[in-house]
N, C-alpha and C. Protein backbone atom coordinates (compact mmCIF):
# COMPACT_ATOMS: atom_id res chain seq x y z
N UNK A 1 146.81 106.64 122.02
CA UNK A 1 145.42 106.85 122.58
C UNK A 1 144.59 105.59 122.41
N UNK A 2 143.96 105.20 123.41
CA UNK A 2 143.18 103.93 123.35
C UNK A 2 141.76 104.23 122.87
N UNK A 3 141.16 103.24 122.19
CA UNK A 3 139.82 103.47 121.72
C UNK A 3 138.83 103.27 122.76
N UNK A 4 137.65 103.93 122.68
CA UNK A 4 136.66 103.86 123.71
C UNK A 4 136.10 102.44 123.73
N UNK A 5 135.70 102.00 124.90
CA UNK A 5 135.14 100.64 125.06
C UNK A 5 133.71 100.69 124.52
N UNK A 6 133.33 99.67 123.86
CA UNK A 6 131.94 99.56 123.29
C UNK A 6 131.12 98.90 124.30
N UNK A 7 129.95 99.49 124.45
CA UNK A 7 128.90 98.94 125.39
C UNK A 7 127.75 98.57 124.55
N UNK A 8 127.10 97.40 124.88
CA UNK A 8 126.00 96.94 124.21
C UNK A 8 124.78 97.89 124.50
N UNK A 9 124.06 98.31 123.55
CA UNK A 9 122.87 99.23 123.76
C UNK A 9 121.84 98.59 124.64
N UNK A 10 121.72 97.30 124.64
CA UNK A 10 120.74 96.58 125.44
C UNK A 10 121.16 96.75 126.91
N UNK A 11 122.47 96.70 127.24
CA UNK A 11 122.88 96.83 128.58
C UNK A 11 122.68 98.20 129.19
N UNK A 12 122.54 99.20 128.44
CA UNK A 12 122.36 100.61 128.93
C UNK A 12 120.90 101.00 128.95
N UNK A 13 119.96 100.26 128.44
CA UNK A 13 118.60 100.67 128.46
C UNK A 13 118.01 100.62 129.93
N UNK A 14 117.32 101.61 130.31
CA UNK A 14 116.67 101.51 131.61
C UNK A 14 115.49 100.50 131.62
N UNK A 15 115.19 100.00 132.81
CA UNK A 15 114.08 99.05 132.79
C UNK A 15 112.91 99.78 133.52
N UNK A 16 112.23 100.65 132.83
CA UNK A 16 111.29 101.50 133.47
C UNK A 16 109.96 100.71 133.77
N UNK A 17 109.52 99.86 132.92
CA UNK A 17 108.22 99.14 133.08
C UNK A 17 108.29 98.25 134.32
N UNK A 18 109.26 97.41 134.37
CA UNK A 18 109.43 96.42 135.52
C UNK A 18 109.67 97.21 136.77
N UNK A 19 110.53 98.24 136.72
CA UNK A 19 110.84 98.98 137.92
C UNK A 19 109.59 99.72 138.46
N UNK A 20 108.74 100.23 137.55
CA UNK A 20 107.50 100.82 137.99
C UNK A 20 106.65 99.79 138.60
N UNK A 21 106.40 98.71 138.03
CA UNK A 21 105.50 97.57 138.61
C UNK A 21 106.09 97.17 140.00
N UNK A 22 107.41 97.00 140.12
CA UNK A 22 108.00 96.56 141.42
C UNK A 22 107.79 97.64 142.44
N UNK A 23 107.97 98.84 142.11
CA UNK A 23 107.85 99.95 143.04
C UNK A 23 106.35 100.10 143.54
N UNK A 24 105.42 99.84 142.59
CA UNK A 24 103.98 99.88 142.97
C UNK A 24 103.75 98.79 143.93
N UNK A 25 104.30 97.66 143.78
CA UNK A 25 104.08 96.51 144.66
C UNK A 25 104.72 96.75 146.03
N UNK A 26 105.90 97.29 145.95
CA UNK A 26 106.63 97.56 147.29
C UNK A 26 106.01 98.69 148.06
N UNK A 27 105.36 99.64 147.43
CA UNK A 27 104.77 100.75 148.18
C UNK A 27 103.38 100.50 148.60
N UNK A 28 102.56 99.77 147.78
CA UNK A 28 101.18 99.71 148.12
C UNK A 28 100.76 98.27 148.85
N UNK A 29 101.54 97.27 148.55
CA UNK A 29 101.21 96.00 149.11
C UNK A 29 101.26 95.97 150.65
N UNK A 30 102.19 96.64 151.30
CA UNK A 30 102.19 96.64 152.79
C UNK A 30 100.89 97.31 153.35
N UNK A 31 100.43 98.33 152.65
CA UNK A 31 99.15 99.01 153.02
C UNK A 31 97.96 98.03 152.96
N UNK A 32 97.89 97.41 151.82
CA UNK A 32 96.80 96.49 151.58
C UNK A 32 96.86 95.25 152.60
N UNK A 33 98.01 94.73 152.85
CA UNK A 33 98.15 93.66 153.84
C UNK A 33 97.74 94.14 155.21
N UNK A 34 98.22 95.34 155.54
CA UNK A 34 97.84 95.86 156.92
C UNK A 34 96.36 96.11 157.08
N UNK A 35 95.77 96.67 156.04
CA UNK A 35 94.32 96.93 156.02
C UNK A 35 93.50 95.61 156.28
N UNK A 36 93.90 94.66 155.48
CA UNK A 36 93.17 93.40 155.53
C UNK A 36 93.32 92.71 156.84
N UNK A 37 94.60 92.64 157.28
CA UNK A 37 94.90 91.98 158.55
C UNK A 37 94.14 92.65 159.75
N UNK A 38 94.17 93.98 159.74
CA UNK A 38 93.43 94.75 160.78
C UNK A 38 91.96 94.31 160.82
N UNK A 39 91.34 94.37 159.61
CA UNK A 39 89.95 93.99 159.53
C UNK A 39 89.71 92.58 160.01
N UNK A 40 90.62 91.63 159.58
CA UNK A 40 90.50 90.26 160.06
C UNK A 40 90.55 90.06 161.54
N UNK A 41 91.55 90.77 162.20
CA UNK A 41 91.74 90.74 163.64
C UNK A 41 90.55 91.33 164.36
N UNK A 42 90.00 92.39 163.90
CA UNK A 42 88.85 93.03 164.52
C UNK A 42 87.64 92.11 164.42
N UNK A 43 87.45 91.42 163.32
CA UNK A 43 86.21 90.63 163.14
C UNK A 43 86.52 89.11 163.40
N UNK A 44 87.67 88.74 164.05
CA UNK A 44 87.95 87.38 164.24
C UNK A 44 87.01 86.58 165.08
N UNK A 45 86.46 87.25 166.09
CA UNK A 45 85.58 86.57 167.07
C UNK A 45 84.20 86.39 166.47
N UNK A 46 83.72 87.34 165.56
CA UNK A 46 82.47 87.23 164.91
C UNK A 46 82.58 87.81 163.52
N UNK A 47 83.01 86.98 162.61
CA UNK A 47 83.24 87.42 161.28
C UNK A 47 81.93 88.02 160.62
N UNK A 48 82.13 89.07 159.93
CA UNK A 48 80.96 89.74 159.23
C UNK A 48 80.90 89.20 157.78
N UNK A 49 79.82 89.51 157.12
CA UNK A 49 79.71 89.12 155.77
C UNK A 49 80.70 89.83 154.94
N UNK A 50 81.02 91.10 155.32
CA UNK A 50 82.01 91.86 154.64
C UNK A 50 83.39 91.25 154.73
N UNK A 51 83.74 90.87 155.93
CA UNK A 51 85.13 90.25 156.18
C UNK A 51 85.18 88.96 155.57
N UNK A 52 84.14 88.14 155.46
CA UNK A 52 84.09 86.84 154.76
C UNK A 52 84.40 87.12 153.22
N UNK A 53 83.63 88.08 152.71
CA UNK A 53 83.81 88.47 151.25
C UNK A 53 85.31 88.85 150.99
N UNK A 54 85.78 89.63 151.88
CA UNK A 54 87.17 90.15 151.66
C UNK A 54 88.18 89.04 151.59
N UNK A 55 87.97 88.09 152.61
CA UNK A 55 88.87 86.91 152.63
C UNK A 55 88.75 86.10 151.40
N UNK A 56 87.55 85.92 150.91
CA UNK A 56 87.39 85.11 149.70
C UNK A 56 87.98 85.81 148.50
N UNK A 57 87.70 87.22 148.41
CA UNK A 57 88.25 87.93 147.33
C UNK A 57 89.77 87.95 147.32
N UNK A 58 90.45 87.97 148.53
CA UNK A 58 91.84 87.96 148.69
C UNK A 58 92.47 86.68 147.97
N UNK A 59 91.86 85.56 148.28
CA UNK A 59 92.34 84.34 147.78
C UNK A 59 92.09 84.22 146.20
N UNK A 60 90.86 84.56 145.84
CA UNK A 60 90.50 84.41 144.46
C UNK A 60 91.38 85.39 143.56
N UNK A 61 91.54 86.55 143.99
CA UNK A 61 92.30 87.49 143.13
C UNK A 61 93.77 87.08 142.99
N UNK A 62 94.33 86.47 144.04
CA UNK A 62 95.68 86.02 143.92
C UNK A 62 95.79 84.87 142.86
N UNK A 63 94.83 83.99 142.91
CA UNK A 63 94.84 82.89 141.93
C UNK A 63 94.65 83.43 140.50
N UNK A 64 93.72 84.36 140.37
CA UNK A 64 93.50 84.98 139.10
C UNK A 64 94.71 85.70 138.58
N UNK A 65 95.37 86.50 139.47
CA UNK A 65 96.55 87.20 139.15
C UNK A 65 97.70 86.28 138.67
N UNK A 66 97.82 85.16 139.40
CA UNK A 66 98.85 84.16 139.09
C UNK A 66 98.63 83.58 137.66
N UNK A 67 97.44 83.28 137.35
CA UNK A 67 97.11 82.80 136.05
C UNK A 67 97.38 83.81 134.92
N UNK A 68 96.89 85.04 135.19
CA UNK A 68 97.09 86.10 134.20
C UNK A 68 98.58 86.37 134.03
N UNK A 69 99.35 86.35 135.11
CA UNK A 69 100.77 86.59 135.04
C UNK A 69 101.50 85.53 134.21
N UNK A 70 101.12 84.26 134.50
CA UNK A 70 101.77 83.19 133.70
C UNK A 70 101.51 83.35 132.22
N UNK A 71 100.24 83.61 131.82
CA UNK A 71 99.84 83.79 130.40
C UNK A 71 100.60 85.01 129.87
N UNK A 72 100.61 86.10 130.59
CA UNK A 72 101.22 87.35 130.01
C UNK A 72 102.65 87.14 129.83
N UNK A 73 103.36 86.46 130.84
CA UNK A 73 104.80 86.23 130.67
C UNK A 73 105.09 85.25 129.54
N UNK A 74 104.27 84.23 129.42
CA UNK A 74 104.56 83.28 128.22
C UNK A 74 104.34 83.97 126.89
N UNK A 75 103.27 84.87 126.84
CA UNK A 75 103.05 85.66 125.63
C UNK A 75 104.19 86.50 125.22
N UNK A 76 104.68 87.18 126.28
CA UNK A 76 105.88 88.10 126.13
C UNK A 76 107.02 87.33 125.65
N UNK A 77 107.29 86.10 126.16
CA UNK A 77 108.46 85.31 125.82
C UNK A 77 108.31 84.79 124.34
N UNK A 78 107.05 84.48 123.96
CA UNK A 78 106.70 84.05 122.60
C UNK A 78 107.07 85.13 121.61
N UNK A 79 106.65 86.36 122.00
CA UNK A 79 106.87 87.57 121.17
C UNK A 79 108.31 87.77 120.99
N UNK A 80 109.03 87.71 121.99
CA UNK A 80 110.55 87.87 121.85
C UNK A 80 111.14 86.77 121.01
N UNK A 81 110.74 85.58 121.21
CA UNK A 81 111.30 84.46 120.43
C UNK A 81 110.97 84.58 118.91
N UNK A 82 109.72 85.03 118.68
CA UNK A 82 109.28 85.22 117.22
C UNK A 82 110.09 86.38 116.57
N UNK A 83 110.24 87.46 117.39
CA UNK A 83 110.91 88.59 116.85
C UNK A 83 112.44 88.27 116.56
N UNK A 84 112.99 87.53 117.48
CA UNK A 84 114.42 87.13 117.35
C UNK A 84 114.51 86.15 116.20
N UNK A 85 113.65 85.19 116.05
CA UNK A 85 113.69 84.30 114.92
C UNK A 85 113.51 84.98 113.61
N UNK A 86 112.53 85.86 113.53
CA UNK A 86 112.44 86.63 112.25
C UNK A 86 113.56 87.44 111.89
N UNK A 87 114.25 88.03 112.93
CA UNK A 87 115.40 88.78 112.73
C UNK A 87 116.51 87.94 112.14
N UNK A 88 116.70 86.77 112.73
CA UNK A 88 117.74 85.80 112.27
C UNK A 88 117.47 85.33 110.88
N UNK A 89 116.19 85.10 110.57
CA UNK A 89 115.81 84.48 109.25
C UNK A 89 115.94 85.62 108.15
N UNK A 90 115.56 86.83 108.44
CA UNK A 90 115.56 87.92 107.43
C UNK A 90 116.86 88.62 107.33
N UNK A 91 117.61 88.53 108.45
CA UNK A 91 118.90 89.31 108.45
C UNK A 91 118.72 90.71 108.81
N UNK A 92 117.56 91.13 109.13
CA UNK A 92 117.24 92.50 109.60
C UNK A 92 117.44 92.52 111.12
N UNK A 93 118.34 93.45 111.51
CA UNK A 93 118.75 93.68 112.96
C UNK A 93 117.59 94.16 113.74
N UNK A 94 117.29 93.59 114.86
CA UNK A 94 116.27 94.16 115.73
C UNK A 94 116.78 95.42 116.35
N UNK A 95 115.87 96.32 116.65
CA UNK A 95 116.28 97.58 117.37
C UNK A 95 116.68 97.19 118.75
N UNK A 96 117.57 98.05 119.39
CA UNK A 96 117.98 97.80 120.75
C UNK A 96 116.69 97.76 121.61
N UNK A 97 116.51 96.68 122.29
CA UNK A 97 115.29 96.52 123.14
C UNK A 97 115.60 95.69 124.33
N UNK A 98 115.07 95.94 125.41
CA UNK A 98 115.25 95.18 126.64
C UNK A 98 114.15 94.14 126.75
N UNK A 99 114.36 92.95 126.33
CA UNK A 99 113.40 91.90 126.27
C UNK A 99 113.03 91.41 127.70
N UNK A 100 114.10 91.42 128.60
CA UNK A 100 113.87 90.96 129.93
C UNK A 100 112.91 91.84 130.67
N UNK A 101 112.91 93.22 130.33
CA UNK A 101 112.02 94.12 131.02
C UNK A 101 110.61 93.87 130.52
N UNK A 102 110.49 93.52 129.29
CA UNK A 102 109.13 93.30 128.65
C UNK A 102 108.52 92.06 129.36
N UNK A 103 109.33 90.97 129.52
CA UNK A 103 108.82 89.72 130.06
C UNK A 103 108.46 89.98 131.55
N UNK A 104 109.42 90.56 132.28
CA UNK A 104 109.21 90.86 133.67
C UNK A 104 108.01 91.75 134.00
N UNK A 105 107.87 92.81 133.25
CA UNK A 105 106.81 93.76 133.41
C UNK A 105 105.45 93.11 133.09
N UNK A 106 105.43 92.24 132.03
CA UNK A 106 104.22 91.48 131.72
C UNK A 106 103.81 90.62 132.93
N UNK A 107 104.79 89.99 133.53
CA UNK A 107 104.48 89.05 134.61
C UNK A 107 104.01 89.79 135.87
N UNK A 108 104.52 91.02 136.13
CA UNK A 108 104.22 91.83 137.26
C UNK A 108 102.98 92.60 137.16
N UNK A 109 102.47 92.94 135.95
CA UNK A 109 101.42 93.83 135.68
C UNK A 109 100.07 93.37 136.38
N UNK A 110 99.69 92.10 136.20
CA UNK A 110 98.44 91.74 137.00
C UNK A 110 98.44 91.92 138.44
N UNK A 111 99.66 91.66 139.06
CA UNK A 111 99.73 91.87 140.49
C UNK A 111 99.69 93.36 140.97
N UNK A 112 100.40 94.19 140.16
CA UNK A 112 100.44 95.66 140.52
C UNK A 112 99.06 96.27 140.28
N UNK A 113 98.38 95.79 139.19
CA UNK A 113 97.04 96.39 138.94
C UNK A 113 96.07 95.98 140.11
N UNK A 114 96.19 94.83 140.56
CA UNK A 114 95.26 94.44 141.69
C UNK A 114 95.65 95.11 143.00
N UNK A 115 96.89 95.22 143.25
CA UNK A 115 97.33 95.95 144.51
C UNK A 115 96.89 97.33 144.52
N UNK A 116 97.02 98.07 143.33
CA UNK A 116 96.58 99.40 143.21
C UNK A 116 95.08 99.53 143.44
N UNK A 117 94.31 98.65 142.82
CA UNK A 117 92.82 98.68 143.01
C UNK A 117 92.42 98.38 144.42
N UNK A 118 93.15 97.46 145.07
CA UNK A 118 92.80 97.08 146.46
C UNK A 118 93.12 98.27 147.38
N UNK A 119 94.29 98.90 147.10
CA UNK A 119 94.71 100.01 148.00
C UNK A 119 93.63 101.17 147.90
N UNK A 120 93.13 101.44 146.69
CA UNK A 120 92.09 102.48 146.54
C UNK A 120 90.79 102.08 147.27
N UNK A 121 90.41 100.83 147.08
CA UNK A 121 89.15 100.30 147.71
C UNK A 121 89.22 100.29 149.24
N UNK A 122 90.34 99.76 149.74
CA UNK A 122 90.51 99.68 151.18
C UNK A 122 90.75 101.00 151.90
N UNK A 123 91.16 102.02 151.24
CA UNK A 123 91.44 103.25 151.88
C UNK A 123 90.20 104.10 151.99
N UNK A 124 89.05 103.67 151.57
CA UNK A 124 87.74 104.46 151.57
C UNK A 124 87.30 104.44 153.02
């Protein structure tokens, strides 16, 4: 009788946080894009103050999300590196944890938060 194959616990953990953020982006971003593009096409000949504000906000929030994402991703990577280093130094094994999911979800969170807020605001 053969022995059962061993599987790393890290390999079997689901990636819920990152999957949730990606699903949010995949479901809500097309609506936000369509809403904004429709408004821009309607007001292209004579832009309104509202459409100018929306265009400005669109660019500004993308730059803010990019900066927040970079900081959050770097902080998550530093946390993983520190925990791994402490584990190696102390000899205490880290619990099974999906570090890649933490880093990816930290990077996606600013984008998914903004897309959700924009979807709610533009659906009014």
